Amino acid sequence: MSTAQSLHRSRKTRNSVMMTLCLVAAGIGLAWLALILGALVYKGVAGLSLSVFTEMTPPPGDAGGLLNAIYGSVVMTVIAVIVGTPIGVLAGTYMAEYGRFSKLTTVVRFINDILLSAPSIIIGLFVYELMVRPMGHFSALAGSVALAILVIPVVVRTTEDMLNLVPNALREAGTAIGAPRWVVIKSVAYRAALSGIVTGILLSIARITGETAPLLFTALNNQFWSSNLNAPMASLPVTIFQFALSPYEEWQQLAWTGALIITLTVLALSIFARSMTGRREDK
C-alpha cells in the first residue's frame, strides 16, 4: 500500500511540475504576443485617419495615405483567390472522393505538404523566372499568380480534410436513390463540408494578406495609382516594408498604420473562420 501511495504521489508531483512549466511557457508566449500587439496598436492608431483610405502614398516629407497600396492588395488578393480556390477545391475533391486510396493521391498530398510549408520567397522567385523575366517587366498579374500558388495548398488540405469527415452513410444514401456520383458530391458532400471549405478559403486569404517576399519579385511596387494588371502595382505589405526602412517619420507612421490594418484584417478573417467552424461542430 505504501508503494502504491508513493507511486501516486510521485506521479502527481511530476504532473504538477509539467503543468506549471506548460502554464509558464504559455504565459511567456502570450506576454510577447500582447507586447507586440500593444506596440502595434499604440503606434498604428496614432496615424489612423480617413486620409489613410482616401489619399495616395506620399513623397518623402509629405502627408498622405495608403489608398493605392490597399487597392493593389485587394485586387491581387481577389484574383489569387479566384484562380487558386477552384484548383484547390477540385484537387481536394479528387483526393477525398475519387482517389482516396490511389498512389497519385499520396504523391499529390506529399507535394501539397511541401508547398504548404515552402517559404513564400521561393514561390516569388519561381514566378519571377516563370513570368517576370519572359515578360521583361514586373506586373500585378505575376503577383496574383504568386499569391494563387500560396492559396492552393491551404485550400487543397482543408477541402480534403473536410470531405473526409463527411460520413459515408450520406454518400451511400445519395447513391441508393440512383443519383450519379458527381451529383452526390455536389449536393451531399459539398453541402455537409461547406463551412469547413469556406473556412479554408478564409484562412488562405489571411495567409496571403501579409505576404511581402513574393510581391517584391513579381508586382514590385508603384508610388502612384495603377489599375493596369500588366504593370507594377502597389501593395500594402511591400509599401509597409519600404516605408518602415525609410528615415522619414511620415512614412514610418504610415508603415505602422498599414501594419495595424493588415493585422485587424487577418484577425477578423480568423475570428470569422473560427465562428464558421464552431457552427459546423454545433450542427
C-alpha atoms as a PDB file:
ATOM      1  CA  MET A   1       0.000   0.000   0.000  1.00  0.00           C
ATOM      2  CA  SER A   2       2.833   2.369   0.847  1.00  0.00           C
ATOM      3  CA  THR A   3       4.453   1.614  -2.535  1.00  0.00           C
ATOM      4  CA  ALA A   4       1.222   2.471  -4.367  1.00  0.00           C
ATOM      5  CA  GLN A   5       0.841   5.700  -2.401  1.00  0.00           C
ATOM      6  CA  SER A   6       4.455   6.636  -3.101  1.00  0.00           C
ATOM      7  CA  LEU A   7       3.993   5.964  -6.813  1.00  0.00           C
ATOM      8  CA  HIS A   8       0.780   8.019  -6.849  1.00  0.00           C
ATOM      9  CA  ARG A   9       2.478  10.887  -5.016  1.00  0.00           C
ATOM     10  CA  SER A  10       5.436  10.787  -7.426  1.00  0.00           C
ATOM     11  CA  ARG A  11       3.180  10.861 -10.497  1.00  0.00           C
ATOM     12  CA  LYS A  12       1.110  13.678  -9.033  1.00  0.00           C
ATOM     13  CA  THR A  13       4.255  15.706  -8.335  1.00  0.00           C
ATOM     14  CA  ARG A  14       5.595  15.199 -11.876  1.00  0.00           C
ATOM     15  CA  ASN A  15       2.193  16.120 -13.302  1.00  0.00           C
ATOM     16  CA  SER A  16       2.098  19.319 -11.237  1.00  0.00           C
ATOM     17  CA  VAL A  17       5.627  20.261 -12.311  1.00  0.00           C
ATOM     18  CA  MET A  18       4.865  19.705 -16.013  1.00  0.00           C
ATOM     19  CA  MET A  19       1.571  21.568 -15.751  1.00  0.00           C
ATOM     20  CA  THR A  20       3.348  24.502 -14.124  1.00  0.00           C
ATOM     21  CA  LEU A  21       6.042  24.546 -16.822  1.00  0.00           C
ATOM     22  CA  CYS A  22       3.383  24.442 -19.554  1.00  0.00           C
ATOM     23  CA  LEU A  23       1.474  27.325 -17.983  1.00  0.00           C
ATOM     24  CA  VAL A  24       4.684  29.365 -17.625  1.00  0.00           C
ATOM     25  CA  ALA A  25       5.594  28.719 -21.278  1.00  0.00           C
ATOM     26  CA  ALA A  26       2.079  29.657 -22.417  1.00  0.00           C
ATOM     27  CA  GLY A  27       2.204  32.796 -20.290  1.00  0.00           C
ATOM     28  CA  ILE A  28       5.560  33.837 -21.773  1.00  0.00           C
ATOM     29  CA  GLY A  29       4.221  33.334 -25.303  1.00  0.00           C
ATOM     30  CA  LEU A  30       1.057  35.316 -24.562  1.00  0.00           C
ATOM     31  CA  ALA A  31       3.085  38.071 -22.911  1.00  0.00           C
ATOM     32  CA  TRP A  32       5.242  38.559 -26.003  1.00  0.00           C
ATOM     33  CA  LEU A  33       2.139  38.489 -28.206  1.00  0.00           C
ATOM     34  CA  ALA A  34       0.470  41.095 -26.006  1.00  0.00           C
ATOM     35  CA  LEU A  35       3.579  43.317 -26.157  1.00  0.00           C
ATOM     36  CA  ILE A  36       3.748  43.073 -29.954  1.00  0.00           C
ATOM     37  CA  LEU A  37       0.034  43.782 -30.412  1.00  0.00           C
ATOM     38  CA  GLY A  38       0.168  46.565 -27.828  1.00  0.00           C
ATOM     39  CA  ALA A  39       3.060  48.289 -29.597  1.00  0.00           C
ATOM     40  CA  LEU A  40       1.321  47.852 -32.960  1.00  0.00           C
ATOM     41  CA  VAL A  41      -1.934  49.355 -31.701  1.00  0.00           C
ATOM     42  CA  TYR A  42      -0.142  52.192 -29.883  1.00  0.00           C
ATOM     43  CA  LYS A  43       1.951  53.139 -32.912  1.00  0.00           C
ATOM     44  CA  GLY A  44      -0.661  52.394 -35.572  1.00  0.00           C
ATOM     45  CA  VAL A  45      -3.708  54.127 -34.108  1.00  0.00           C
ATOM     46  CA  ALA A  46      -1.815  57.429 -33.974  1.00  0.00           C
ATOM     47  CA  GLY A  47      -1.801  57.632 -37.773  1.00  0.00           C
ATOM     48  CA  LEU A  48      -5.244  56.134 -38.387  1.00  0.00           C
ATOM     49  CA  SER A  49      -7.466  58.656 -40.143  1.00  0.00           C
ATOM     50  CA  LEU A  50      -9.737  58.993 -43.141  1.00  0.00           C
ATOM     51  CA  SER A  51      -6.846  60.240 -45.290  1.00  0.00           C
ATOM     52  CA  VAL A  52      -5.178  56.823 -44.974  1.00  0.00           C
ATOM     53  CA  PHE A  53      -8.025  55.368 -47.055  1.00  0.00           C
ATOM     54  CA  THR A  54      -8.531  58.311 -49.424  1.00  0.00           C
ATOM     55  CA  GLU A  55      -5.042  59.587 -50.332  1.00  0.00           C
ATOM     56  CA  MET A  56      -2.138  58.095 -52.286  1.00  0.00           C
ATOM     57  CA  THR A  57       1.232  57.166 -50.836  1.00  0.00           C
ATOM     58  CA  PRO A  58       3.085  60.464 -50.393  1.00  0.00           C
ATOM     59  CA  PRO A  59       6.555  61.587 -51.488  1.00  0.00           C
ATOM     60  CA  PRO A  60       9.195  61.938 -48.758  1.00  0.00           C
ATOM     61  CA  GLY A  61       8.347  64.537 -46.144  1.00  0.00           C
ATOM     62  CA  ASP A  62       4.670  64.940 -47.103  1.00  0.00           C
ATOM     63  CA  ALA A  63       1.468  63.616 -45.573  1.00  0.00           C
ATOM     64  CA  GLY A  64      -0.609  61.097 -47.447  1.00  0.00           C
ATOM     65  CA  GLY A  65      -2.372  57.772 -47.269  1.00  0.00           C
ATOM     66  CA  LEU A  66      -2.329  54.190 -48.465  1.00  0.00           C
ATOM     67  CA  LEU A  67      -5.197  54.151 -50.956  1.00  0.00           C
ATOM     68  CA  ASN A  68      -3.215  52.816 -53.929  1.00  0.00           C
ATOM     69  CA  ALA A  69      -1.495  50.204 -51.757  1.00  0.00           C
ATOM     70  CA  ILE A  70      -4.788  48.998 -50.263  1.00  0.00           C
ATOM     71  CA  TYR A  71      -6.360  48.877 -53.726  1.00  0.00           C
ATOM     72  CA  GLY A  72      -3.454  46.876 -55.141  1.00  0.00           C
ATOM     73  CA  SER A  73      -3.536  44.381 -52.265  1.00  0.00           C
ATOM     74  CA  VAL A  74      -7.287  43.872 -52.650  1.00  0.00           C
ATOM     75  CA  VAL A  75      -7.041  43.397 -56.428  1.00  0.00           C
ATOM     76  CA  MET A  76      -4.191  40.876 -56.300  1.00  0.00           C
ATOM     77  CA  THR A  77      -5.745  39.008 -53.378  1.00  0.00           C
ATOM     78  CA  VAL A  78      -9.113  38.718 -55.138  1.00  0.00           C
ATOM     79  CA  ILE A  79      -7.500  37.462 -58.356  1.00  0.00           C
ATOM     80  CA  ALA A  80      -5.377  34.977 -56.396  1.00  0.00           C
ATOM     81  CA  VAL A  81      -8.424  33.602 -54.596  1.00  0.00           C
ATOM     82  CA  ILE A  82     -10.447  33.386 -57.820  1.00  0.00           C
ATOM     83  CA  VAL A  83      -7.623  31.459 -59.521  1.00  0.00           C
ATOM     84  CA  GLY A  84      -6.443  29.339 -56.602  1.00  0.00           C
ATOM     85  CA  THR A  85      -9.735  28.336 -54.973  1.00  0.00           C
ATOM     86  CA  PRO A  86     -11.238  26.261 -57.836  1.00  0.00           C
ATOM     87  CA  ILE A  87      -7.938  24.442 -58.353  1.00  0.00           C
ATOM     88  CA  GLY A  88      -7.622  23.714 -54.642  1.00  0.00           C
ATOM     89  CA  VAL A  89     -11.230  22.593 -54.234  1.00  0.00           C
ATOM     90  CA  LEU A  90     -11.128  20.301 -57.276  1.00  0.00           C
ATOM     91  CA  ALA A  91      -7.796  18.776 -56.245  1.00  0.00           C
ATOM     92  CA  GLY A  92      -9.053  18.210 -52.701  1.00  0.00           C
ATOM     93  CA  THR A  93     -12.258  16.696 -54.088  1.00  0.00           C
ATOM     94  CA  TYR A  94     -10.323  14.220 -56.207  1.00  0.00           C
ATOM     95  CA  MET A  95      -8.142  13.218 -53.266  1.00  0.00           C
ATOM     96  CA  ALA A  96     -11.113  12.681 -50.944  1.00  0.00           C
ATOM     97  CA  GLU A  97     -13.773  11.336 -53.315  1.00  0.00           C
ATOM     98  CA  TYR A  98     -12.157   9.640 -56.305  1.00  0.00           C
ATOM     99  CA  GLY A  99      -8.579   8.733 -55.423  1.00  0.00           C
ATOM    100  CA  ARG A 100      -8.635   8.359 -51.655  1.00  0.00           C
ATOM    101  CA  PHE A 101      -6.525   5.194 -51.748  1.00  0.00           C
ATOM    102  CA  SER A 102      -4.625   5.731 -55.013  1.00  0.00           C
ATOM    103  CA  LYS A 103      -0.881   6.240 -55.331  1.00  0.00           C
ATOM    104  CA  LEU A 104      -1.471   9.500 -57.221  1.00  0.00           C
ATOM    105  CA  THR A 105      -3.254  10.924 -54.180  1.00  0.00           C
ATOM    106  CA  THR A 106      -0.262  10.043 -51.997  1.00  0.00           C
ATOM    107  CA  VAL A 107       2.064  11.877 -54.389  1.00  0.00           C
ATOM    108  CA  VAL A 108      -0.237  14.910 -54.644  1.00  0.00           C
ATOM    109  CA  ARG A 109      -0.600  15.059 -50.862  1.00  0.00           C
ATOM    110  CA  PHE A 110       3.175  14.927 -50.432  1.00  0.00           C
ATOM    111  CA  ILE A 111       3.736  17.723 -52.965  1.00  0.00           C
ATOM    112  CA  ASN A 112       0.945  19.746 -51.408  1.00  0.00           C
ATOM    113  CA  ASP A 113       2.555  19.435 -47.974  1.00  0.00           C
ATOM    114  CA  ILE A 114       5.820  20.715 -49.445  1.00  0.00           C
ATOM    115  CA  LEU A 115       4.045  23.716 -50.987  1.00  0.00           C
ATOM    116  CA  LEU A 116       2.205  24.318 -47.728  1.00  0.00           C
ATOM    117  CA  SER A 117       5.463  24.711 -45.813  1.00  0.00           C
ATOM    118  CA  ALA A 118       7.595  26.233 -48.586  1.00  0.00           C
ATOM    119  CA  PRO A 119       8.977  29.740 -47.891  1.00  0.00           C
ATOM    120  CA  SER A 120       6.979  32.306 -49.824  1.00  0.00           C
ATOM    121  CA  ILE A 121      10.159  33.868 -51.202  1.00  0.00           C
ATOM    122  CA  ILE A 122      10.796  30.629 -53.123  1.00  0.00           C
ATOM    123  CA  ILE A 123       7.370  30.977 -54.728  1.00  0.00           C
ATOM    124  CA  GLY A 124       8.211  34.562 -55.636  1.00  0.00           C
ATOM    125  CA  LEU A 125      11.500  33.531 -57.277  1.00  0.00           C
ATOM    126  CA  PHE A 126       9.713  30.766 -59.184  1.00  0.00           C
ATOM    127  CA  VAL A 127       7.092  33.137 -60.591  1.00  0.00           C
ATOM    128  CA  TYR A 128       9.843  35.676 -61.346  1.00  0.00           C
ATOM    129  CA  GLU A 129      11.555  33.117 -63.583  1.00  0.00           C
ATOM    130  CA  LEU A 130       8.255  31.871 -64.974  1.00  0.00           C
ATOM    131  CA  MET A 131       6.597  35.203 -65.824  1.00  0.00           C
ATOM    132  CA  VAL A 132       8.585  38.334 -64.972  1.00  0.00           C
ATOM    133  CA  ARG A 133      11.757  37.519 -66.926  1.00  0.00           C
ATOM    134  CA  PRO A 134       9.964  36.318 -70.096  1.00  0.00           C
ATOM    135  CA  MET A 135       7.614  39.341 -69.979  1.00  0.00           C
ATOM    136  CA  GLY A 136      10.504  41.719 -69.320  1.00  0.00           C
ATOM    137  CA  HIS A 137       8.764  43.670 -66.545  1.00  0.00           C
ATOM    138  CA  PHE A 138       7.050  43.332 -63.194  1.00  0.00           C
ATOM    139  CA  SER A 139       3.267  43.150 -63.128  1.00  0.00           C
ATOM    140  CA  ALA A 140       0.281  42.755 -60.835  1.00  0.00           C
ATOM    141  CA  LEU A 141      -0.661  39.657 -62.828  1.00  0.00           C
ATOM    142  CA  ALA A 142       2.597  37.950 -61.810  1.00  0.00           C
ATOM    143  CA  GLY A 143       1.963  38.957 -58.206  1.00  0.00           C
ATOM    144  CA  SER A 144      -1.522  37.444 -58.364  1.00  0.00           C
ATOM    145  CA  VAL A 145      -0.123  34.168 -59.727  1.00  0.00           C
ATOM    146  CA  ALA A 146       2.425  34.006 -56.882  1.00  0.00           C
ATOM    147  CA  LEU A 147      -0.310  34.554 -54.304  1.00  0.00           C
ATOM    148  CA  ALA A 148      -2.562  31.999 -56.033  1.00  0.00           C
ATOM    149  CA  ILE A 149       0.173  29.370 -55.668  1.00  0.00           C
ATOM    150  CA  LEU A 150       0.160  30.107 -51.921  1.00  0.00           C
ATOM    151  CA  VAL A 151      -3.640  29.796 -51.803  1.00  0.00           C
ATOM    152  CA  ILE A 152      -3.832  26.387 -53.487  1.00  0.00           C
ATOM    153  CA  PRO A 153      -2.170  24.130 -50.855  1.00  0.00           C
ATOM    154  CA  VAL A 154      -4.221  25.605 -47.998  1.00  0.00           C
ATOM    155  CA  VAL A 155      -7.492  25.037 -49.871  1.00  0.00           C
ATOM    156  CA  VAL A 156      -6.436  21.556 -51.016  1.00  0.00           C
ATOM    157  CA  ARG A 157      -5.640  20.409 -47.475  1.00  0.00           C
ATOM    158  CA  THR A 158      -8.813  21.908 -45.976  1.00  0.00           C
ATOM    159  CA  THR A 159     -11.080  20.565 -48.717  1.00  0.00           C
ATOM    160  CA  GLU A 160      -9.682  17.045 -48.444  1.00  0.00           C
ATOM    161  CA  ASP A 161      -9.912  17.021 -44.639  1.00  0.00           C
ATOM    162  CA  MET A 162     -13.469  18.368 -44.580  1.00  0.00           C
ATOM    163  CA  LEU A 163     -14.723  15.918 -47.222  1.00  0.00           C
ATOM    164  CA  ASN A 164     -13.086  13.032 -45.364  1.00  0.00           C
ATOM    165  CA  LEU A 165     -15.119  13.995 -42.300  1.00  0.00           C
ATOM    166  CA  VAL A 166     -18.413  13.614 -44.186  1.00  0.00           C
ATOM    167  CA  PRO A 167     -19.946  10.242 -43.154  1.00  0.00           C
ATOM    168  CA  ASN A 168     -20.018   7.643 -45.918  1.00  0.00           C
ATOM    169  CA  ALA A 169     -23.619   6.882 -44.977  1.00  0.00           C
ATOM    170  CA  LEU A 170     -24.647  10.201 -46.540  1.00  0.00           C
ATOM    171  CA  ARG A 171     -22.941   9.278 -49.814  1.00  0.00           C
ATOM    172  CA  GLU A 172     -24.482   5.824 -49.759  1.00  0.00           C
ATOM    173  CA  ALA A 173     -27.928   7.325 -49.216  1.00  0.00           C
ATOM    174  CA  GLY A 174     -27.490   9.525 -52.290  1.00  0.00           C
ATOM    175  CA  THR A 175     -26.225   6.602 -54.351  1.00  0.00           C
ATOM    176  CA  ALA A 176     -29.119   4.419 -53.177  1.00  0.00           C
ATOM    177  CA  ILE A 177     -31.684   6.695 -54.795  1.00  0.00           C
ATOM    178  CA  GLY A 178     -29.835   6.458 -58.125  1.00  0.00           C
ATOM    179  CA  ALA A 179     -28.002   9.796 -58.095  1.00  0.00           C
ATOM    180  CA  PRO A 180     -24.768   9.904 -60.144  1.00  0.00           C
ATOM    181  CA  ARG A 181     -21.537  10.255 -58.196  1.00  0.00           C
ATOM    182  CA  TRP A 182     -20.955  13.876 -59.211  1.00  0.00           C
ATOM    183  CA  VAL A 183     -24.463  14.769 -58.028  1.00  0.00           C
ATOM    184  CA  VAL A 184     -23.816  13.060 -54.679  1.00  0.00           C
ATOM    185  CA  ILE A 185     -20.579  15.034 -54.302  1.00  0.00           C
ATOM    186  CA  LYS A 186     -22.178  18.341 -55.274  1.00  0.00           C
ATOM    187  CA  SER A 187     -25.458  18.007 -53.392  1.00  0.00           C
ATOM    188  CA  VAL A 188     -24.414  15.928 -50.376  1.00  0.00           C
ATOM    189  CA  ALA A 189     -20.664  16.030 -49.680  1.00  0.00           C
ATOM    190  CA  TYR A 190     -20.161  19.700 -50.569  1.00  0.00           C
ATOM    191  CA  ARG A 191     -23.172  20.793 -48.530  1.00  0.00           C
ATOM    192  CA  ALA A 192     -22.004  18.864 -45.489  1.00  0.00           C
ATOM    193  CA  ALA A 193     -18.451  20.238 -45.764  1.00  0.00           C
ATOM    194  CA  LEU A 194     -19.300  23.740 -46.987  1.00  0.00           C
ATOM    195  CA  SER A 195     -18.471  25.646 -43.802  1.00  0.00           C
ATOM    196  CA  GLY A 196     -15.121  23.860 -43.480  1.00  0.00           C
ATOM    197  CA  ILE A 197     -14.192  24.555 -47.096  1.00  0.00           C
ATOM    198  CA  VAL A 198     -15.113  28.225 -46.716  1.00  0.00           C
ATOM    199  CA  THR A 199     -13.015  28.318 -43.537  1.00  0.00           C
ATOM    200  CA  GLY A 200     -10.023  27.039 -45.528  1.00  0.00           C
ATOM    201  CA  ILE A 201     -10.541  29.737 -48.155  1.00  0.00           C
ATOM    202  CA  LEU A 202     -10.675  32.420 -45.464  1.00  0.00           C
ATOM    203  CA  LEU A 203      -7.502  31.073 -43.864  1.00  0.00           C
ATOM    204  CA  SER A 204      -5.745  31.150 -47.246  1.00  0.00           C
ATOM    205  CA  ILE A 205      -6.772  34.788 -47.634  1.00  0.00           C
ATOM    206  CA  ALA A 206      -5.405  35.513 -44.164  1.00  0.00           C
ATOM    207  CA  ARG A 207      -2.111  33.883 -45.152  1.00  0.00           C
ATOM    208  CA  ILE A 208      -1.540  35.846 -48.358  1.00  0.00           C
ATOM    209  CA  THR A 209      -2.749  39.189 -46.979  1.00  0.00           C
ATOM    210  CA  GLY A 210       0.588  39.986 -45.359  1.00  0.00           C
ATOM    211  CA  GLU A 211       2.956  38.293 -47.825  1.00  0.00           C
ATOM    212  CA  THR A 212       5.758  40.620 -48.909  1.00  0.00           C
ATOM    213  CA  ALA A 213       8.516  38.453 -50.404  1.00  0.00           C
ATOM    214  CA  PRO A 214       6.530  37.062 -53.387  1.00  0.00           C
ATOM    215  CA  LEU A 215       5.349  40.530 -54.368  1.00  0.00           C
ATOM    216  CA  LEU A 216       8.865  42.012 -54.251  1.00  0.00           C
ATOM    217  CA  PHE A 217       9.854  39.656 -57.086  1.00  0.00           C
ATOM    218  CA  THR A 218       6.624  39.898 -59.089  1.00  0.00           C
ATOM    219  CA  ALA A 219       4.451  43.004 -58.644  1.00  0.00           C
ATOM    220  CA  LEU A 220       7.267  45.140 -57.164  1.00  0.00           C
ATOM    221  CA  ASN A 221       5.584  48.446 -56.194  1.00  0.00           C
ATOM    222  CA  ASN A 222       4.121  51.631 -57.610  1.00  0.00           C
ATOM    223  CA  GLN A 223       4.108  55.044 -55.965  1.00  0.00           C
ATOM    224  CA  PHE A 224       1.063  56.070 -57.993  1.00  0.00           C
ATOM    225  CA  TRP A 225      -2.427  54.747 -58.687  1.00  0.00           C
ATOM    226  CA  SER A 226      -2.440  51.938 -61.221  1.00  0.00           C
ATOM    227  CA  SER A 227      -5.207  49.580 -62.305  1.00  0.00           C
ATOM    228  CA  ASN A 228      -3.163  48.023 -65.120  1.00  0.00           C
ATOM    229  CA  LEU A 229      -2.606  44.347 -64.326  1.00  0.00           C
ATOM    230  CA  ASN A 230       0.271  44.228 -66.810  1.00  0.00           C
ATOM    231  CA  ALA A 231       2.287  46.850 -64.923  1.00  0.00           C
ATOM    232  CA  PRO A 232       3.841  47.152 -61.457  1.00  0.00           C
ATOM    233  CA  MET A 233       1.220  47.738 -58.771  1.00  0.00           C
ATOM    234  CA  ALA A 234       1.436  48.935 -55.194  1.00  0.00           C
ATOM    235  CA  SER A 235       0.559  46.577 -52.363  1.00  0.00           C
ATOM    236  CA  LEU A 236       0.196  47.119 -48.647  1.00  0.00           C
ATOM    237  CA  PRO A 237       2.885  44.629 -47.470  1.00  0.00           C
ATOM    238  CA  VAL A 238       5.546  45.966 -49.853  1.00  0.00           C
ATOM    239  CA  THR A 239       4.664  49.569 -49.013  1.00  0.00           C
ATOM    240  CA  ILE A 240       4.980  48.799 -45.299  1.00  0.00           C
ATOM    241  CA  PHE A 241       8.344  47.144 -45.936  1.00  0.00           C
ATOM    242  CA  GLN A 242       9.703  50.137 -47.848  1.00  0.00           C
ATOM    243  CA  PHE A 243       8.242  52.801 -45.560  1.00  0.00           C
ATOM    244  CA  ALA A 244       9.462  51.057 -42.408  1.00  0.00           C
ATOM    245  CA  LEU A 245      13.056  51.136 -43.715  1.00  0.00           C
ATOM    246  CA  SER A 246      12.895  54.805 -44.666  1.00  0.00           C
ATOM    247  CA  PRO A 247      14.270  57.645 -42.490  1.00  0.00           C
ATOM    248  CA  TYR A 248      11.112  59.759 -42.888  1.00  0.00           C
ATOM    249  CA  GLU A 249       8.746  59.937 -39.914  1.00  0.00           C
ATOM    250  CA  GLU A 250       5.658  60.312 -42.107  1.00  0.00           C
ATOM    251  CA  TRP A 251       6.484  57.109 -43.992  1.00  0.00           C
ATOM    252  CA  GLN A 252       7.273  55.249 -40.769  1.00  0.00           C
ATOM    253  CA  GLN A 253       3.916  56.295 -39.310  1.00  0.00           C
ATOM    254  CA  LEU A 254       2.126  55.060 -42.423  1.00  0.00           C
ATOM    255  CA  ALA A 255       4.013  51.771 -42.108  1.00  0.00           C
ATOM    256  CA  TRP A 256       2.734  51.308 -38.556  1.00  0.00           C
ATOM    257  CA  THR A 257      -0.804  52.179 -39.631  1.00  0.00           C
ATOM    258  CA  GLY A 258      -0.659  49.813 -42.601  1.00  0.00           C
ATOM    259  CA  ALA A 259       0.600  47.012 -40.343  1.00  0.00           C
ATOM    260  CA  LEU A 260      -2.322  47.657 -37.998  1.00  0.00           C
ATOM    261  CA  ILE A 261      -4.789  47.484 -40.907  1.00  0.00           C
ATOM    262  CA  ILE A 262      -3.372  44.137 -42.076  1.00  0.00           C
ATOM    263  CA  THR A 263      -3.380  42.746 -38.524  1.00  0.00           C
ATOM    264  CA  LEU A 264      -7.004  43.737 -37.943  1.00  0.00           C
ATOM    265  CA  THR A 265      -7.989  42.255 -41.313  1.00  0.00           C
ATOM    266  CA  VAL A 266      -6.288  38.925 -40.580  1.00  0.00           C
ATOM    267  CA  LEU A 267      -7.763  38.890 -37.069  1.00  0.00           C
ATOM    268  CA  ALA A 268     -11.265  39.494 -38.444  1.00  0.00           C
ATOM    269  CA  LEU A 269     -10.862  36.706 -41.012  1.00  0.00           C
ATOM    270  CA  SER A 270      -9.554  34.314 -38.365  1.00  0.00           C
ATOM    271  CA  ILE A 271     -12.441  35.069 -35.998  1.00  0.00           C
ATOM    272  CA  PHE A 272     -14.949  34.608 -38.817  1.00  0.00           C
ATOM    273  CA  ALA A 273     -13.331  31.310 -39.826  1.00  0.00           C
ATOM    274  CA  ARG A 274     -13.384  30.095 -36.217  1.00  0.00           C
ATOM    275  CA  SER A 275     -17.044  31.052 -35.872  1.00  0.00           C
ATOM    276  CA  MET A 276     -17.926  29.099 -39.008  1.00  0.00           C
ATOM    277  CA  THR A 277     -16.064  26.051 -37.683  1.00  0.00           C
ATOM    278  CA  GLY A 278     -17.920  26.359 -34.387  1.00  0.00           C
ATOM    279  CA  ARG A 279     -21.279  26.484 -36.154  1.00  0.00           C
ATOM    280  CA  ARG A 280     -20.398  23.338 -38.081  1.00  0.00           C
ATOM    281  CA  GLU A 281     -19.473  21.490 -34.878  1.00  0.00           C
ATOM    282  CA  ASP A 282     -22.728  22.604 -33.216  1.00  0.00           C
ATOM    283  CA  LYS A 283     -24.708  21.163 -36.100  1.00  0.00           C
END
